[in-house]
PDB file of N, CA and C in Angstrom:
ATOM      1  N   MET A   1     171.770 116.308 162.521  1.00  0.00           N
ATOM      2  CA  MET A   1     170.348 116.659 162.781  1.00  0.00           C
ATOM      3  C   MET A   1     169.893 115.605 164.162  1.00  0.00           C
ATOM      4  N   ALA A   2     168.995 116.285 164.708  1.00  0.00           N
ATOM      5  CA  ALA A   2     168.474 115.630 166.282  1.00  0.00           C
ATOM      6  C   ALA A   2     167.503 113.933 166.010  1.00  0.00           C
ATOM      7  N   ILE A   3     167.129 113.245 166.570  1.00  0.00           N
ATOM      8  CA  ILE A   3     166.373 111.921 166.254  1.00  0.00           C
ATOM      9  C   ILE A   3     165.110 112.354 166.857  1.00  0.00           C
ATOM     10  N   PRO A   4     163.977 112.785 166.401  1.00  0.00           N
ATOM     11  CA  PRO A   4     162.841 112.840 167.261  1.00  0.00           C
ATOM     12  C   PRO A   4     162.531 111.800 167.811  1.00  0.00           C
ATOM     13  N   ARG A   5     162.341 111.677 169.359  1.00  0.00           N
ATOM     14  CA  ARG A   5     161.942 110.722 170.225  1.00  0.00           C
ATOM     15  C   ARG A   5     160.723 110.606 170.119  1.00  0.00           C
ATOM     16  N   LEU A   6     160.462 109.432 170.742  1.00  0.00           N
ATOM     17  CA  LEU A   6     158.753 108.958 170.851  1.00  0.00           C
ATOM     18  C   LEU A   6     158.237 109.359 171.321  1.00  0.00           C
ATOM     19  N   ARG A   7     156.677 109.742 171.566  1.00  0.00           N
ATOM     20  CA  ARG A   7     156.275 110.731 173.282  1.00  0.00           C
ATOM     21  C   ARG A   7     155.054 109.712 173.547  1.00  0.00           C
ATOM     22  N   VAL A   8     155.517 108.509 174.756  1.00  0.00           N
ATOM     23  CA  VAL A   8     154.758 107.752 174.701  1.00  0.00           C
ATOM     24  C   VAL A   8     153.329 108.239 176.176  1.00  0.00           C
ATOM     25  N   THR A   9     152.482 108.120 176.450  1.00  0.00           N
ATOM     26  CA  THR A   9     151.550 108.859 177.435  1.00  0.00           C
ATOM     27  C   THR A   9     151.015 107.980 177.648  1.00  0.00           C
ATOM     28  N   SER A  10     150.520 106.291 177.350  1.00  0.00           N
ATOM     29  CA  SER A  10     150.264 105.190 177.641  1.00  0.00           C
ATOM     30  C   SER A  10     150.820 103.979 177.082  1.00  0.00           C
ATOM     31  N   ALA A  11     150.660 103.893 178.491  1.00  0.00           N
ATOM     32  CA  ALA A  11     151.899 102.047 178.531  1.00  0.00           C
ATOM     33  C   ALA A  11     150.541 100.942 177.251  1.00  0.00           C
ATOM     34  N   ASP A  12     149.488 101.584 178.050  1.00  0.00           N
ATOM     35  CA  ASP A  12     148.654 100.266 177.459  1.00  0.00           C
ATOM     36  C   ASP A  12     148.312 100.256 176.056  1.00  0.00           C
ATOM     37  N   ASN A  13     148.368 101.582 175.741  1.00  0.00           N
ATOM     38  CA  ASN A  13     147.546 101.589 174.121  1.00  0.00           C
ATOM     39  C   ASN A  13     148.851 102.179 172.900  1.00  0.00           C
ATOM     40  N   PRO A  14     149.984 101.132 172.428  1.00  0.00           N
ATOM     41  CA  PRO A  14     150.819 101.760 172.018  1.00  0.00           C
ATOM     42  C   PRO A  14     150.607 101.961 170.433  1.00  0.00           C
ATOM     43  N   SER A  15     149.303 102.064 170.574  1.00  0.00           N
ATOM     44  CA  SER A  15     148.911 102.422 169.313  1.00  0.00           C
ATOM     45  C   SER A  15     148.551 104.103 169.457  1.00  0.00           C
ATOM     46  N   SER A  16     148.245 104.164 170.459  1.00  0.00           N
ATOM     47  CA  SER A  16     148.587 106.298 170.181  1.00  0.00           C
ATOM     48  C   SER A  16     149.722 106.488 170.433  1.00  0.00           C
ATOM     49  N   ALA A  17     151.008 105.659 171.323  1.00  0.00           N
ATOM     50  CA  ALA A  17     152.489 106.661 170.966  1.00  0.00           C
ATOM     51  C   ALA A  17     152.473 106.206 169.744  1.00  0.00           C
ATOM     52  N   ALA A  18     152.173 105.609 168.724  1.00  0.00           N
ATOM     53  CA  ALA A  18     153.422 105.172 167.661  1.00  0.00           C
ATOM     54  C   ALA A  18     152.193 106.715 167.048  1.00  0.00           C
ATOM     55  N   ALA A  19     151.024 107.249 166.781  1.00  0.00           N
ATOM     56  CA  ALA A  19     150.566 107.737 166.134  1.00  0.00           C
ATOM     57  C   ALA A  19     151.323 109.165 166.345  1.00  0.00           C
ATOM     58  N   GLN A  20     151.577 109.315 168.053  1.00  0.00           N
ATOM     59  CA  GLN A  20     152.200 111.067 168.098  1.00  0.00           C
ATOM     60  C   GLN A  20     153.395 110.797 168.186  1.00  0.00           C
ATOM     61  N   HIS A  21     154.211 109.719 167.063  1.00  0.00           N
ATOM     62  CA  HIS A  21     155.725 110.081 167.370  1.00  0.00           C
ATOM     63  C   HIS A  21     155.573 111.572 165.836  1.00  0.00           C
ATOM     64  N   PRO A  22     156.935 111.780 165.919  1.00  0.00           N
ATOM     65  CA  PRO A  22     157.036 113.169 164.878  1.00  0.00           C
ATOM     66  C   PRO A  22     156.794 112.773 163.861  1.00  0.00           C
ATOM     67  N   ASN A  23     157.185 111.072 163.072  1.00  0.00           N
ATOM     68  CA  ASN A  23     157.141 111.109 161.617  1.00  0.00           C
ATOM     69  C   ASN A  23     156.521 109.735 161.588  1.00  0.00           C
ATOM     70  N   TYR A  24     155.423 110.004 162.079  1.00  0.00           N
ATOM     71  CA  TYR A  24     154.886 108.456 162.009  1.00  0.00           C
ATOM     72  C   TYR A  24     153.678 108.794 160.947  1.00  0.00           C
ATOM     73  N   MET A  25     153.650 109.729 159.617  1.00  0.00           N
ATOM     74  CA  MET A  25     152.586 109.881 158.768  1.00  0.00           C
ATOM     75  C   MET A  25     153.725 109.452 157.681  1.00  0.00           C
ATOM     76  N   ILE A  26     155.071 110.245 157.759  1.00  0.00           N
ATOM     77  CA  ILE A  26     155.914 109.687 156.682  1.00  0.00           C
ATOM     78  C   ILE A  26     156.156 108.175 156.581  1.00  0.00           C
ATOM     79  N   TYR A  27     155.929 107.531 158.223  1.00  0.00           N
ATOM     80  CA  TYR A  27     156.457 105.957 157.528  1.00  0.00           C
ATOM     81  C   TYR A  27     155.181 105.013 157.478  1.00  0.00           C
ATOM     82  N   LEU A  28     154.041 105.837 157.256  1.00  0.00           N
ATOM     83  CA  LEU A  28     152.885 105.354 157.132  1.00  0.00           C
ATOM     84  C   LEU A  28     153.129 105.398 155.239  1.00  0.00           C
ATOM     85  N   LYS A  29     153.110 106.215 154.809  1.00  0.00           N
ATOM     86  CA  LYS A  29     153.675 107.057 153.500  1.00  0.00           C
ATOM     87  C   LYS A  29     154.443 105.817 152.857  1.00  0.00           C
ATOM     88  N   MET A  30     155.159 106.137 153.947  1.00  0.00           N
ATOM     89  CA  MET A  30     156.621 105.305 153.030  1.00  0.00           C
ATOM     90  C   MET A  30     156.507 103.609 153.199  1.00  0.00           C
ATOM     91  N   GLU A  31     156.402 103.120 154.182  1.00  0.00           N
ATOM     92  CA  GLU A  31     155.634 101.570 154.089  1.00  0.00           C
ATOM     93  C   GLU A  31     154.549 101.680 153.006  1.00  0.00           C
ATOM     94  N   ALA A  32     153.822 102.157 152.693  1.00  0.00           N
ATOM     95  CA  ALA A  32     152.434 102.106 151.805  1.00  0.00           C
ATOM     96  C   ALA A  32     153.780 101.965 149.956  1.00  0.00           C
ATOM     97  N   LEU A  33     154.277 102.908 150.504  1.00  0.00           N
ATOM     98  CA  LEU A  33     155.617 103.249 148.666  1.00  0.00           C
ATOM     99  C   LEU A  33     156.329 101.757 148.923  1.00  0.00           C
ATOM    100  N   VAL A  34     156.731 101.241 149.604  1.00  0.00           N
ATOM    101  CA  VAL A  34     157.449 100.213 149.883  1.00  0.00           C
ATOM    102  C   VAL A  34     156.781  99.327 149.395  1.00  0.00           C
ATOM    103  N   THR A  35     155.533  98.940 149.712  1.00  0.00           N
ATOM    104  CA  THR A  35     154.696  97.679 149.596  1.00  0.00           C
ATOM    105  C   THR A  35     154.413  97.741 148.114  1.00  0.00           C
ATOM    106  N   MET A  36     154.564  99.151 147.348  1.00  0.00           N
ATOM    107  CA  MET A  36     153.276  98.944 145.968  1.00  0.00           C
ATOM    108  C   MET A  36     154.971  98.789 145.193  1.00  0.00           C
ATOM    109  N   MET A  37     155.962  99.196 145.661  1.00  0.00           N
ATOM    110  CA  MET A  37     156.944  98.881 144.938  1.00  0.00           C
ATOM    111  C   MET A  37     157.560  97.581 144.860  1.00  0.00           C
ATOM    112  N   LEU A  38     157.197  96.260 145.928  1.00  0.00           N
ATOM    113  CA  LEU A  38     157.509  95.228 145.890  1.00  0.00           C
ATOM    114  C   LEU A  38     156.920  94.478 145.214  1.00  0.00           C
ATOM    115  N   ASP A  39     155.571  94.498 145.132  1.00  0.00           N
ATOM    116  CA  ASP A  39     154.450  93.949 144.009  1.00  0.00           C
ATOM    117  C   ASP A  39     155.171  93.269 142.954  1.00  0.00           C
ATOM    118  N   GLN A  40     154.651  91.536 142.630  1.00  0.00           N
ATOM    119  CA  GLN A  40     155.583  91.185 142.302  1.00  0.00           C
ATOM    120  C   GLN A  40     154.696  91.018 140.628  1.00  0.00           C
ATOM    121  N   GLU A  41     153.712  92.056 140.708  1.00  0.00           N
ATOM    122  CA  GLU A  41     153.705  91.942 138.731  1.00  0.00           C
ATOM    123  C   GLU A  41     153.511  93.601 138.536  1.00  0.00           C
ATOM    124  N   THR A  42     152.772  94.562 139.296  1.00  0.00           N
ATOM    125  CA  THR A  42     153.341  95.754 139.220  1.00  0.00           C
ATOM    126  C   THR A  42     154.013  96.509 140.404  1.00  0.00           C
ATOM    127  N   GLY A  43     155.273  96.079 140.378  1.00  0.00           N
ATOM    128  CA  GLY A  43     156.455  96.841 140.994  1.00  0.00           C
ATOM    129  C   GLY A  43     157.326  97.294 140.569  1.00  0.00           C
ATOM    130  N   VAL A  44     158.504  97.492 140.999  1.00  0.00           N
ATOM    131  CA  VAL A  44     159.632  97.838 140.250  1.00  0.00           C
ATOM    132  C   VAL A  44     160.470  96.785 139.787  1.00  0.00           C
ATOM    133  N   PRO A  45     161.216  96.365 138.793  1.00  0.00           N
ATOM    134  CA  PRO A  45     161.191  95.513 138.129  1.00  0.00           C
ATOM    135  C   PRO A  45     162.476  94.971 138.491  1.00  0.00           C
ATOM    136  N   ILE A  46     162.684  93.845 139.477  1.00  0.00           N
ATOM    137  CA  ILE A  46     163.748  93.131 140.182  1.00  0.00           C
ATOM    138  C   ILE A  46     164.387  92.375 139.284  1.00  0.00           C
ATOM    139  N   LYS A  47     165.857  92.801 139.033  1.00  0.00           N
ATOM    140  CA  LYS A  47     166.649  91.721 137.848  1.00  0.00           C
ATOM    141  C   LYS A  47     168.087  91.165 138.906  1.00  0.00           C
ATOM    142  N   THR A  48     168.624  90.345 138.068  1.00  0.00           N
ATOM    143  CA  THR A  48     170.139  90.460 138.347  1.00  0.00           C
ATOM    144  C   THR A  48     171.297  90.731 137.533  1.00  0.00           C
ATOM    145  N   VAL A  49     171.900  91.406 138.485  1.00  0.00           N
ATOM    146  CA  VAL A  49     173.441  92.398 137.093  1.00  0.00           C
ATOM    147  C   VAL A  49     174.225  91.710 137.007  1.00  0.00           C
ATOM    148  N   LYS A  50     174.868  91.594 136.034  1.00  0.00           N
ATOM    149  CA  LYS A  50     176.027  91.070 135.956  1.00  0.00           C
ATOM    150  C   LYS A  50     177.237  91.994 135.874  1.00  0.00           C
ATOM    151  N   SER A  51     178.252  91.529 137.469  1.00  0.00           N
ATOM    152  CA  SER A  51     179.249  92.816 136.889  1.00  0.00           C
ATOM    153  C   SER A  51     180.110  92.358 136.306  1.00  0.00           C
ATOM    154  N   PHE A  52     181.591  92.470 136.648  1.00  0.00           N
ATOM    155  CA  PHE A  52     182.574  92.253 135.853  1.00  0.00           C
ATOM    156  C   PHE A  52     183.466  90.431 136.239  1.00  0.00           C
ATOM    157  N   LEU A  53     183.255  89.786 137.318  1.00  0.00           N
ATOM    158  CA  LEU A  53     183.402  88.686 137.524  1.00  0.00           C
ATOM    159  C   LEU A  53     182.197  87.980 138.118  1.00  0.00           C
ATOM    160  N   SER A  54     181.422  88.643 138.294  1.00  0.00           N
ATOM    161  CA  SER A  54     179.932  88.466 139.370  1.00  0.00           C
ATOM    162  C   SER A  54     178.918  88.664 138.814  1.00  0.00           C
ATOM    163  N   LYS A  55     177.915  88.310 139.695  1.00  0.00           N
ATOM    164  CA  LYS A  55     176.754  88.686 139.372  1.00  0.00           C
ATOM    165  C   LYS A  55     175.822  89.032 140.735  1.00  0.00           C
ATOM    166  N   VAL A  56     175.172  90.080 140.718  1.00  0.00           N
ATOM    167  CA  VAL A  56     174.538  91.066 141.949  1.00  0.00           C
ATOM    168  C   VAL A  56     173.122  90.601 141.817  1.00  0.00           C
ATOM    169  N   PRO A  57     172.115  89.507 143.072  1.00  0.00           N
ATOM    170  CA  PRO A  57     171.130  89.408 142.568  1.00  0.00           C
ATOM    171  C   PRO A  57     170.119  90.948 143.443  1.00  0.00           C
ATOM    172  N   SER A  58     169.004  90.731 143.205  1.00  0.00           N
ATOM    173  CA  SER A  58     168.009  91.268 143.768  1.00  0.00           C
ATOM    174  C   SER A  58     168.293  92.830 143.277  1.00  0.00           C
ATOM    175  N   VAL A  59     168.600  93.623 142.455  1.00  0.00           N
ATOM    176  CA  VAL A  59     168.960  95.129 142.143  1.00  0.00           C
ATOM    177  C   VAL A  59     167.585  95.495 141.173  1.00  0.00           C
ATOM    178  N   PHE A  60     167.599  97.054 140.844  1.00  0.00           N
ATOM    179  CA  PHE A  60     166.694  97.399 140.182  1.00  0.00           C
ATOM    180  C   PHE A  60     167.662  98.601 139.896  1.00  0.00           C
ATOM    181  N   THR A  61     166.864  98.869 138.508  1.00  0.00           N
ATOM    182  CA  THR A  61     168.258 100.397 138.121  1.00  0.00           C
ATOM    183  C   THR A  61     167.168 101.211 138.603  1.00  0.00           C
ATOM    184  N   GLY A  62     168.193 102.764 138.772  1.00  0.00           N
ATOM    185  CA  GLY A  62     167.362 104.062 139.263  1.00  0.00           C
ATOM    186  C   GLY A  62     166.080 104.235 137.853  1.00  0.00           C
ATOM    187  N   GLN A  63     166.958 104.007 136.633  1.00  0.00           N
ATOM    188  CA  GLN A  63     166.199 104.985 135.372  1.00  0.00           C
ATOM    189  C   GLN A  63     164.761 103.364 135.887  1.00  0.00           C
ATOM    190  N   ASP A  64     164.118 102.107 136.200  1.00  0.00           N
ATOM    191  CA  ASP A  64     163.186 101.402 136.193  1.00  0.00           C
ATOM    192  C   ASP A  64     162.686 101.757 137.960  1.00  0.00           C
ATOM    193  N   LEU A  65     162.817 102.323 138.411  1.00  0.00           N
ATOM    194  CA  LEU A  65     162.387 103.439 139.802  1.00  0.00           C
ATOM    195  C   LEU A  65     161.455 104.656 139.098  1.00  0.00           C
ATOM    196  N   ILE A  66     162.525 105.129 139.006  1.00  0.00           N
ATOM    197  CA  ILE A  66     161.980 106.515 137.933  1.00  0.00           C
ATOM    198  C   ILE A  66     160.828 106.564 137.088  1.00  0.00           C
ATOM    199  N   ALA A  67     160.482 105.435 136.422  1.00  0.00           N
ATOM    200  CA  ALA A  67     160.063 104.851 135.222  1.00  0.00           C
ATOM    201  C   ALA A  67     159.031 104.389 135.631  1.00  0.00           C
ATOM    202  N   TRP A  68     158.918 104.013 136.956  1.00  0.00           N
ATOM    203  CA  TRP A  68     157.851 103.480 137.881  1.00  0.00           C
ATOM    204  C   TRP A  68     157.002 104.576 138.757  1.00  0.00           C
ATOM    205  N   ILE A  69     157.524 105.171 139.047  1.00  0.00           N
ATOM    206  CA  ILE A  69     157.365 106.221 139.583  1.00  0.00           C
ATOM    207  C   ILE A  69     156.246 107.355 139.241  1.00  0.00           C
ATOM    208  N   MET A  70     156.784 107.738 138.129  1.00  0.00           N
ATOM    209  CA  MET A  70     155.690 107.786 137.336  1.00  0.00           C
ATOM    210  C   MET A  70     154.979 107.633 136.100  1.00  0.00           C
ATOM    211  N   LYS A  71     154.682 106.122 136.407  1.00  0.00           N
ATOM    212  CA  LYS A  71     153.791 105.633 135.626  1.00  0.00           C
ATOM    213  C   LYS A  71     152.532 105.102 136.810  1.00  0.00           C
ATOM    214  N   ASN A  72     153.212 104.690 137.735  1.00  0.00           N
ATOM    215  CA  ASN A  72     152.084 104.729 139.068  1.00  0.00           C
ATOM    216  C   ASN A  72     151.373 105.660 139.836  1.00  0.00           C
ATOM    217  N   LEU A  73     152.593 106.100 140.105  1.00  0.00           N
ATOM    218  CA  LEU A  73     151.711 107.598 140.909  1.00  0.00           C
ATOM    219  C   LEU A  73     151.945 108.337 140.903  1.00  0.00           C
ATOM    220  N   ASP A  74     151.355 108.474 139.496  1.00  0.00           N
ATOM    221  CA  ASP A  74     150.709 109.921 138.434  1.00  0.00           C
ATOM    222  C   ASP A  74     152.115 111.046 138.254  1.00  0.00           C
ATOM    223  N   MET A  75     152.913 111.253 138.495  1.00  0.00           N
ATOM    224  CA  MET A  75     154.373 112.117 138.667  1.00  0.00           C
ATOM    225  C   MET A  75     154.358 112.323 137.111  1.00  0.00           C
ATOM    226  N   ALA A  76     154.084 112.702 136.309  1.00  0.00           N
ATOM    227  CA  ALA A  76     154.413 113.412 134.793  1.00  0.00           C
ATOM    228  C   ALA A  76     154.477 114.883 134.557  1.00  0.00           C
ATOM    229  N   ASP A  77     153.922 115.468 135.473  1.00  0.00           N
ATOM    230  CA  ASP A  77     153.947 116.283 135.906  1.00  0.00           C
ATOM    231  C   ASP A  77     154.914 117.171 136.930  1.00  0.00           C
ATOM    232  N   LEU A  78     155.879 117.877 136.565  1.00  0.00           N
ATOM    233  CA  LEU A  78     157.496 118.184 138.113  1.00  0.00           C
ATOM    234  C   LEU A  78     156.150 119.134 138.712  1.00  0.00           C
ATOM    235  N   GLY A  79     155.076 119.541 138.711  1.00  0.00           N
ATOM    236  CA  GLY A  79     154.738 120.182 140.162  1.00  0.00           C
ATOM    237  C   GLY A  79     153.675 119.318 140.864  1.00  0.00           C
ATOM    238  N   LYS A  80     153.838 117.971 140.448  1.00  0.00           N
ATOM    239  CA  LYS A  80     153.188 117.278 141.701  1.00  0.00           C
ATOM    240  C   LYS A  80     154.106 116.605 142.999  1.00  0.00           C
ATOM    241  N   TRP A  81     155.895 117.139 142.270  1.00  0.00           N
ATOM    242  CA  TRP A  81     156.783 116.329 143.150  1.00  0.00           C
ATOM    243  C   TRP A  81     156.675 116.775 144.521  1.00  0.00           C
ATOM    244  N   PRO A  82     156.872 118.327 144.193  1.00  0.00           N
ATOM    245  CA  PRO A  82     157.025 118.002 145.900  1.00  0.00           C
ATOM    246  C   PRO A  82     155.616 117.939 147.021  1.00  0.00           C
ATOM    247  N   SER A  83     155.199 117.968 146.594  1.00  0.00           N
ATOM    248  CA  SER A  83     153.918 117.192 147.517  1.00  0.00           C
ATOM    249  C   SER A  83     153.402 115.352 147.693  1.00  0.00           C
ATOM    250  N   PHE A  84     154.795 115.046 146.850  1.00  0.00           N
ATOM    251  CA  PHE A  84     155.329 113.355 146.960  1.00  0.00           C
ATOM    252  C   PHE A  84     156.582 113.572 148.131  1.00  0.00           C
ATOM    253  N   THR A  85     157.484 114.448 147.828  1.00  0.00           N
ATOM    254  CA  THR A  85     158.298 114.168 148.880  1.00  0.00           C
ATOM    255  C   THR A  85     157.797 115.173 149.709  1.00  0.00           C
ATOM    256  N   THR A  86     156.482 115.372 150.749  1.00  0.00           N
ATOM    257  CA  THR A  86     156.488 116.133 151.713  1.00  0.00           C
ATOM    258  C   THR A  86     155.581 115.432 152.831  1.00  0.00           C
ATOM    259  N   HIS A  87     155.206 115.556 153.813  1.00  0.00           N
ATOM    260  CA  HIS A  87     154.233 114.646 154.663  1.00  0.00           C
ATOM    261  C   HIS A  87     152.783 115.363 154.736  1.00  0.00           C
ATOM    262  N   LYS A  88     152.933 116.363 154.291  1.00  0.00           N
ATOM    263  CA  LYS A  88     151.830 117.182 154.197  1.00  0.00           C
ATOM    264  C   LYS A  88     150.643 116.910 153.214  1.00  0.00           C
TER     265      LYS A  88
END
């Protein structure tokens, strides 16, 4: 898969250049989602997981992530998932 190139039209206005990137809307959506996930009170629960001989800090389980998505993003209906995974 080819990596999309940024089309720069004006060196004076970098925000207009960013807005023309093919994946700009996806990046904004991802950034908002990660910000919500990292919230100290309502975000995905982060914990330390104990492994065989060591502890792994700052992790979350897939089960915690799916539960958080279904609770915070109103994704209980499977019909809504395609709109969540596309940039339209």
